[in-house]
């Protein structure tokens, strides 16, 4: 729901207050990947940075899982596989909306053939 705030539409109360309250818990990866502040980036580079960030989180999660299974569960990787898959699935659900927002960013404010911006 916090993605509705990106549309630039002026919502009426109580929806406006509800969307403002959601901004507190909104997870926007754009806040972490601020390459545009250092040098100009294309939409493709922005999307690539987002994918790299997600892949980095998965690699860190995998490393933590391997260490925990080795130390606490006596190398029983087969028995602990559902925990890893659940964690990776939860992470993918967490990153789905920010990834879609970054992927659709180039289509926002585009000049149409009739001369209007949408």
N, C-alpha and C. Protein backbone atom coordinates (compact mmCIF):
# COMPACT_ATOMS: atom_id res chain seq x y z
N UNK A 1 0.80 -1.19 0.00
CA UNK A 1 0.00 0.00 0.00
C UNK A 1 0.85 1.27 0.00
N UNK A 2 2.05 1.17 0.54
CA UNK A 2 2.88 2.38 0.57
C UNK A 2 3.31 2.79 -0.83
N UNK A 3 3.22 1.90 -1.81
CA UNK A 3 3.57 2.25 -3.19
C UNK A 3 2.55 3.21 -3.78
N UNK A 4 1.35 3.29 -3.21
CA UNK A 4 0.34 4.23 -3.70
C UNK A 4 0.78 5.68 -3.53
N UNK A 5 1.63 5.92 -2.55
CA UNK A 5 2.12 7.28 -2.33
C UNK A 5 3.02 7.78 -3.44
N UNK A 6 3.55 6.88 -4.27
CA UNK A 6 4.44 7.25 -5.37
C UNK A 6 3.70 7.80 -6.58
N UNK A 7 2.40 7.65 -6.63
CA UNK A 7 1.65 8.05 -7.81
C UNK A 7 1.47 9.55 -7.93
N UNK A 8 1.68 10.29 -6.88
CA UNK A 8 1.52 11.73 -6.93
C UNK A 8 0.07 12.17 -6.95
N UNK A 9 -0.82 11.31 -6.51
CA UNK A 9 -2.25 11.62 -6.46
C UNK A 9 -2.56 12.17 -5.08
N UNK A 10 -3.35 13.22 -5.01
CA UNK A 10 -3.75 13.78 -3.73
C UNK A 10 -4.97 13.03 -3.21
N UNK A 11 -4.75 12.18 -2.23
CA UNK A 11 -5.83 11.38 -1.67
C UNK A 11 -6.57 12.17 -0.59
N UNK A 12 -7.81 11.83 -0.37
CA UNK A 12 -8.63 12.45 0.67
C UNK A 12 -8.39 11.76 2.01
N UNK A 13 -8.76 12.46 3.08
CA UNK A 13 -8.72 11.85 4.40
C UNK A 13 -9.79 10.76 4.45
N UNK A 14 -9.65 9.75 5.14
CA UNK A 14 -8.62 9.23 6.04
C UNK A 14 -7.54 8.44 5.31
N UNK A 15 -7.68 8.24 4.00
CA UNK A 15 -6.68 7.47 3.26
C UNK A 15 -5.32 8.17 3.27
N UNK A 16 -5.31 9.49 3.20
CA UNK A 16 -4.05 10.23 3.21
C UNK A 16 -3.29 9.97 4.51
N UNK A 17 -3.97 10.05 5.65
CA UNK A 17 -3.32 9.80 6.94
C UNK A 17 -2.85 8.36 7.05
N UNK A 18 -3.64 7.43 6.50
CA UNK A 18 -3.27 6.03 6.54
C UNK A 18 -1.99 5.79 5.73
N UNK A 19 -1.90 6.39 4.54
CA UNK A 19 -0.70 6.23 3.72
C UNK A 19 0.52 6.89 4.35
N UNK A 20 0.32 8.01 5.01
CA UNK A 20 1.44 8.66 5.71
C UNK A 20 1.92 7.80 6.87
N UNK A 21 1.00 7.13 7.55
CA UNK A 21 1.40 6.24 8.64
C UNK A 21 2.15 5.02 8.11
N UNK A 22 1.80 4.56 6.93
CA UNK A 22 2.49 3.41 6.35
C UNK A 22 3.93 3.73 5.96
N UNK A 23 4.25 4.97 5.73
CA UNK A 23 5.61 5.34 5.35
C UNK A 23 6.62 5.02 6.45
N UNK A 24 6.14 4.90 7.68
CA UNK A 24 7.03 4.57 8.80
C UNK A 24 7.56 3.15 8.64
N UNK A 25 6.73 2.24 8.16
CA UNK A 25 7.13 0.84 8.04
C UNK A 25 7.43 0.44 6.60
N UNK A 26 7.40 1.40 5.67
CA UNK A 26 7.67 1.08 4.26
C UNK A 26 9.14 0.71 4.10
N UNK A 27 9.37 -0.36 3.38
CA UNK A 27 10.73 -0.83 3.13
C UNK A 27 11.07 -0.47 1.70
N UNK A 28 11.82 0.61 1.52
CA UNK A 28 12.17 1.08 0.18
C UNK A 28 13.66 0.90 -0.02
N UNK A 29 14.01 0.00 -0.92
CA UNK A 29 15.42 -0.23 -1.18
C UNK A 29 16.08 0.95 -1.86
N UNK A 30 15.29 1.83 -2.44
CA UNK A 30 15.84 3.03 -3.04
C UNK A 30 16.56 3.89 -2.03
N UNK A 31 16.20 3.75 -0.75
CA UNK A 31 16.89 4.48 0.31
C UNK A 31 18.29 3.93 0.54
N UNK A 32 18.50 2.66 0.20
CA UNK A 32 19.81 2.04 0.40
C UNK A 32 20.68 2.14 -0.84
N UNK A 33 20.07 2.10 -1.99
CA UNK A 33 20.81 2.15 -3.25
C UNK A 33 20.66 3.55 -3.82
N UNK A 34 21.49 4.47 -3.36
CA UNK A 34 21.42 5.87 -3.79
C UNK A 34 22.59 6.20 -4.71
N UNK A 35 22.71 5.45 -5.79
CA UNK A 35 23.81 5.69 -6.71
C UNK A 35 23.68 7.03 -7.41
N UNK A 36 22.46 7.50 -7.59
CA UNK A 36 22.23 8.76 -8.28
C UNK A 36 22.81 9.95 -7.54
N UNK A 37 23.08 9.80 -6.25
CA UNK A 37 23.69 10.89 -5.48
C UNK A 37 25.18 11.03 -5.79
N UNK A 38 25.80 9.96 -6.24
CA UNK A 38 27.24 9.98 -6.50
C UNK A 38 27.52 10.31 -7.96
N UNK A 39 26.81 9.65 -8.87
CA UNK A 39 26.98 9.88 -10.30
C UNK A 39 25.68 9.51 -11.00
N UNK A 40 25.45 10.06 -12.18
CA UNK A 40 24.19 9.75 -12.88
C UNK A 40 24.14 8.28 -13.27
N UNK A 41 23.00 7.66 -13.03
CA UNK A 41 22.83 6.24 -13.35
C UNK A 41 21.61 6.06 -14.24
N UNK A 42 21.68 5.06 -15.06
CA UNK A 42 20.54 4.73 -15.90
C UNK A 42 19.58 3.84 -15.12
N UNK A 43 18.41 3.64 -15.67
CA UNK A 43 17.44 2.76 -15.02
C UNK A 43 17.96 1.34 -14.97
N UNK A 44 18.69 0.92 -15.99
CA UNK A 44 19.24 -0.43 -16.02
C UNK A 44 20.28 -0.61 -14.91
N UNK A 45 21.12 0.39 -14.70
CA UNK A 45 22.12 0.31 -13.63
C UNK A 45 21.45 0.31 -12.27
N UNK A 46 20.38 1.08 -12.11
CA UNK A 46 19.64 1.09 -10.87
C UNK A 46 19.02 -0.27 -10.59
N UNK A 47 18.44 -0.89 -11.61
CA UNK A 47 17.86 -2.22 -11.47
C UNK A 47 18.94 -3.25 -11.18
N UNK A 48 20.09 -3.14 -11.85
CA UNK A 48 21.19 -4.06 -11.59
C UNK A 48 21.73 -3.95 -10.17
N UNK A 49 21.81 -2.72 -9.67
CA UNK A 49 22.25 -2.52 -8.29
C UNK A 49 21.26 -3.15 -7.31
N UNK A 50 19.98 -3.03 -7.62
CA UNK A 50 18.96 -3.63 -6.76
C UNK A 50 19.09 -5.15 -6.76
N UNK A 51 19.28 -5.75 -7.93
CA UNK A 51 19.45 -7.19 -8.00
C UNK A 51 20.71 -7.64 -7.26
N UNK A 52 21.79 -6.86 -7.40
CA UNK A 52 23.01 -7.18 -6.68
C UNK A 52 22.81 -7.12 -5.17
N UNK A 53 22.06 -6.13 -4.71
CA UNK A 53 21.78 -6.01 -3.29
C UNK A 53 20.98 -7.21 -2.78
N UNK A 54 19.98 -7.62 -3.53
CA UNK A 54 19.18 -8.77 -3.14
C UNK A 54 20.03 -10.04 -3.12
N UNK A 55 20.84 -10.23 -4.16
CA UNK A 55 21.72 -11.39 -4.21
C UNK A 55 22.70 -11.39 -3.04
N UNK A 56 23.20 -10.22 -2.68
CA UNK A 56 24.11 -10.12 -1.53
C UNK A 56 23.42 -10.54 -0.24
N UNK A 57 22.16 -10.13 -0.06
CA UNK A 57 21.42 -10.55 1.13
C UNK A 57 21.24 -12.06 1.16
N UNK A 58 20.96 -12.66 0.01
CA UNK A 58 20.78 -14.12 -0.05
C UNK A 58 22.09 -14.83 0.27
N UNK A 59 23.21 -14.33 -0.24
CA UNK A 59 24.50 -14.95 0.04
C UNK A 59 24.84 -14.85 1.52
N UNK A 60 24.57 -13.70 2.14
CA UNK A 60 24.81 -13.56 3.58
C UNK A 60 23.91 -14.51 4.37
N UNK A 61 22.65 -14.62 3.97
CA UNK A 61 21.73 -15.54 4.63
C UNK A 61 22.22 -16.98 4.50
N UNK A 62 22.71 -17.35 3.33
CA UNK A 62 23.23 -18.70 3.11
C UNK A 62 24.46 -18.96 3.98
N UNK A 63 25.34 -17.98 4.07
CA UNK A 63 26.54 -18.15 4.91
C UNK A 63 26.17 -18.31 6.38
N UNK A 64 25.23 -17.52 6.85
CA UNK A 64 24.78 -17.65 8.25
C UNK A 64 24.14 -19.01 8.47
N UNK A 65 23.35 -19.47 7.51
CA UNK A 65 22.71 -20.78 7.63
C UNK A 65 23.76 -21.90 7.71
N UNK A 66 24.77 -21.84 6.87
CA UNK A 66 25.81 -22.87 6.88
C UNK A 66 26.54 -22.88 8.21
N UNK A 67 26.87 -21.72 8.73
CA UNK A 67 27.59 -21.65 10.01
C UNK A 67 26.72 -22.19 11.14
N UNK A 68 25.46 -21.82 11.18
CA UNK A 68 24.57 -22.29 12.25
C UNK A 68 24.37 -23.80 12.16
N UNK A 69 24.19 -24.34 10.96
CA UNK A 69 23.99 -25.78 10.82
C UNK A 69 25.25 -26.54 11.21
N UNK A 70 26.40 -26.02 10.84
CA UNK A 70 27.64 -26.69 11.22
C UNK A 70 27.86 -26.69 12.73
N UNK A 71 27.57 -25.58 13.38
CA UNK A 71 27.89 -25.46 14.80
C UNK A 71 26.79 -26.00 15.72
N UNK A 72 25.53 -25.77 15.39
CA UNK A 72 24.45 -26.14 16.31
C UNK A 72 23.78 -27.46 15.96
N UNK A 73 23.76 -27.82 14.68
CA UNK A 73 22.97 -28.98 14.26
C UNK A 73 23.83 -30.10 13.69
N UNK A 74 25.09 -30.11 14.00
CA UNK A 74 26.02 -31.17 13.62
C UNK A 74 25.96 -31.54 12.15
N UNK A 75 25.98 -30.55 11.29
CA UNK A 75 26.05 -30.71 9.83
C UNK A 75 24.87 -31.48 9.24
N UNK A 76 23.70 -31.33 9.81
CA UNK A 76 22.50 -31.99 9.28
C UNK A 76 21.80 -31.03 8.31
N UNK A 77 22.43 -30.86 7.16
CA UNK A 77 21.92 -29.90 6.18
C UNK A 77 20.58 -30.33 5.59
N UNK A 78 20.40 -31.61 5.37
CA UNK A 78 19.16 -32.10 4.77
C UNK A 78 17.97 -31.80 5.70
N UNK A 79 18.13 -31.97 6.99
CA UNK A 79 17.05 -31.72 7.94
C UNK A 79 16.76 -30.23 8.11
N UNK A 80 17.76 -29.38 7.89
CA UNK A 80 17.61 -27.93 8.07
C UNK A 80 17.28 -27.20 6.77
N UNK A 81 17.14 -27.93 5.66
CA UNK A 81 16.85 -27.31 4.38
C UNK A 81 15.53 -26.54 4.36
N UNK A 82 14.45 -27.04 4.99
CA UNK A 82 13.20 -26.25 4.99
C UNK A 82 13.36 -24.87 5.66
N UNK A 83 14.19 -24.77 6.67
CA UNK A 83 14.42 -23.47 7.32
C UNK A 83 15.10 -22.50 6.35
N UNK A 84 16.06 -23.00 5.57
CA UNK A 84 16.74 -22.15 4.60
C UNK A 84 15.77 -21.70 3.50
N UNK A 85 14.99 -22.64 2.98
CA UNK A 85 14.05 -22.30 1.92
C UNK A 85 12.99 -21.32 2.40
N UNK A 86 12.54 -21.48 3.62
CA UNK A 86 11.56 -20.54 4.18
C UNK A 86 12.16 -19.15 4.34
N UNK A 87 13.40 -19.08 4.77
CA UNK A 87 14.06 -17.79 4.94
C UNK A 87 14.28 -17.09 3.60
N UNK A 88 14.71 -17.83 2.59
CA UNK A 88 14.93 -17.24 1.27
C UNK A 88 13.58 -16.82 0.67
N UNK A 89 12.54 -17.62 0.87
CA UNK A 89 11.21 -17.25 0.37
C UNK A 89 10.69 -15.99 1.03
N UNK A 90 10.89 -15.87 2.32
CA UNK A 90 10.46 -14.66 3.03
C UNK A 90 11.23 -13.44 2.53
N UNK A 91 12.50 -13.62 2.26
CA UNK A 91 13.31 -12.52 1.76
C UNK A 91 12.83 -12.10 0.37
N UNK A 92 12.49 -13.06 -0.47
CA UNK A 92 12.00 -12.73 -1.81
C UNK A 92 10.66 -12.00 -1.73
N UNK A 93 9.81 -12.40 -0.79
CA UNK A 93 8.54 -11.69 -0.61
C UNK A 93 8.79 -10.26 -0.14
N UNK A 94 9.78 -10.07 0.71
CA UNK A 94 10.11 -8.75 1.22
C UNK A 94 10.62 -7.84 0.11
N UNK A 95 11.41 -8.39 -0.81
CA UNK A 95 12.03 -7.60 -1.86
C UNK A 95 11.18 -7.48 -3.12
N UNK A 96 10.07 -8.18 -3.21
CA UNK A 96 9.29 -8.18 -4.44
C UNK A 96 8.77 -6.79 -4.80
N UNK A 97 8.11 -6.13 -3.87
CA UNK A 97 7.54 -4.81 -4.16
C UNK A 97 8.61 -3.77 -4.49
N UNK A 98 9.69 -3.65 -3.71
CA UNK A 98 10.72 -2.67 -4.10
C UNK A 98 11.35 -2.98 -5.46
N UNK A 99 11.48 -4.26 -5.80
CA UNK A 99 12.04 -4.61 -7.09
C UNK A 99 11.11 -4.21 -8.23
N UNK A 100 9.81 -4.40 -8.04
CA UNK A 100 8.85 -3.99 -9.07
C UNK A 100 8.84 -2.47 -9.20
N UNK A 101 8.95 -1.76 -8.09
CA UNK A 101 8.97 -0.28 -8.15
C UNK A 101 10.19 0.19 -8.94
N UNK A 102 11.35 -0.41 -8.71
CA UNK A 102 12.56 -0.02 -9.44
C UNK A 102 12.43 -0.40 -10.91
N UNK A 103 11.83 -1.55 -11.18
CA UNK A 103 11.69 -1.99 -12.57
C UNK A 103 10.74 -1.10 -13.36
N UNK A 104 9.72 -0.55 -12.71
CA UNK A 104 8.74 0.28 -13.41
C UNK A 104 9.08 1.77 -13.36
N UNK A 105 10.14 2.14 -12.67
CA UNK A 105 10.52 3.55 -12.57
C UNK A 105 10.78 4.21 -13.92
N UNK A 106 11.38 3.53 -14.90
CA UNK A 106 11.59 4.20 -16.20
C UNK A 106 10.30 4.52 -16.92
N UNK A 107 9.21 3.85 -16.60
CA UNK A 107 7.95 4.08 -17.28
C UNK A 107 7.15 5.21 -16.65
N UNK A 108 7.61 5.76 -15.55
CA UNK A 108 6.92 6.87 -14.91
C UNK A 108 7.39 8.17 -15.57
N UNK A 109 6.46 9.07 -15.78
CA UNK A 109 6.74 10.37 -16.41
C UNK A 109 7.40 10.21 -17.77
N UNK A 110 6.78 9.45 -18.64
CA UNK A 110 7.29 9.25 -19.98
C UNK A 110 6.55 10.17 -20.96
N UNK A 111 7.28 10.66 -21.96
CA UNK A 111 6.68 11.49 -22.98
C UNK A 111 5.99 10.60 -24.01
N UNK A 112 4.71 10.81 -24.21
CA UNK A 112 3.93 10.05 -25.18
C UNK A 112 4.07 10.67 -26.56
N UNK A 113 3.72 9.92 -27.61
CA UNK A 113 3.81 10.47 -28.98
C UNK A 113 2.89 11.69 -29.18
N UNK A 114 1.83 11.82 -28.39
CA UNK A 114 0.94 12.98 -28.56
C UNK A 114 1.44 14.22 -27.82
N UNK A 115 2.64 14.14 -27.21
CA UNK A 115 3.24 15.28 -26.55
C UNK A 115 2.89 15.42 -25.08
N UNK A 116 2.10 14.51 -24.54
CA UNK A 116 1.72 14.58 -23.12
C UNK A 116 2.63 13.66 -22.30
N UNK A 117 2.89 14.11 -21.08
CA UNK A 117 3.66 13.31 -20.14
C UNK A 117 2.71 12.47 -19.29
N UNK A 118 3.05 11.20 -19.10
CA UNK A 118 2.25 10.34 -18.22
C UNK A 118 3.14 9.67 -17.22
